[in-house]
Amino acid sequence: PSQITKCSLNVPRPIRAANQNYTLIAYSVSGDWDEATVNAGTKLTTDEQLGSANFTRVGDPGSIDILGACQAASGGQFSVFVDSSRALVAFYARDTGRDTFSVDLTY
């Protein structure tokens, strides 16, 4: 992981975006969670912010720099929690097979 020179979290077009510009913040979290049970009430909390990006209310896709998480990955795995700046933004879940978050790495 230390040879990684660039790592971006690709943010898809949301299925529902706020009626205002918003910020998405990526946090590093422990890998001890389950996709089937995580929701707004059980969301993971952490203070380790990896990066953030501003988005327009029209919901265009973009990316967030998460190089620190990729370089610190244990066994090639890491978890990222994405939160908005108090704006309601919704994305498809991974199991829908629709446009979801992905990671691009450069060595």
Foldseek 3Di string as FASTA:
>chain_A
DQPWDFKKKKAAQFPAFFPFKKKKWKAWDDPPDDLVPDDPVNDDDDDGTQFMDIGGRVRHIDITTRPVQQNPDDVRDTDIDMDMPPIDTHHDRPVVVDDHIDMDIDD
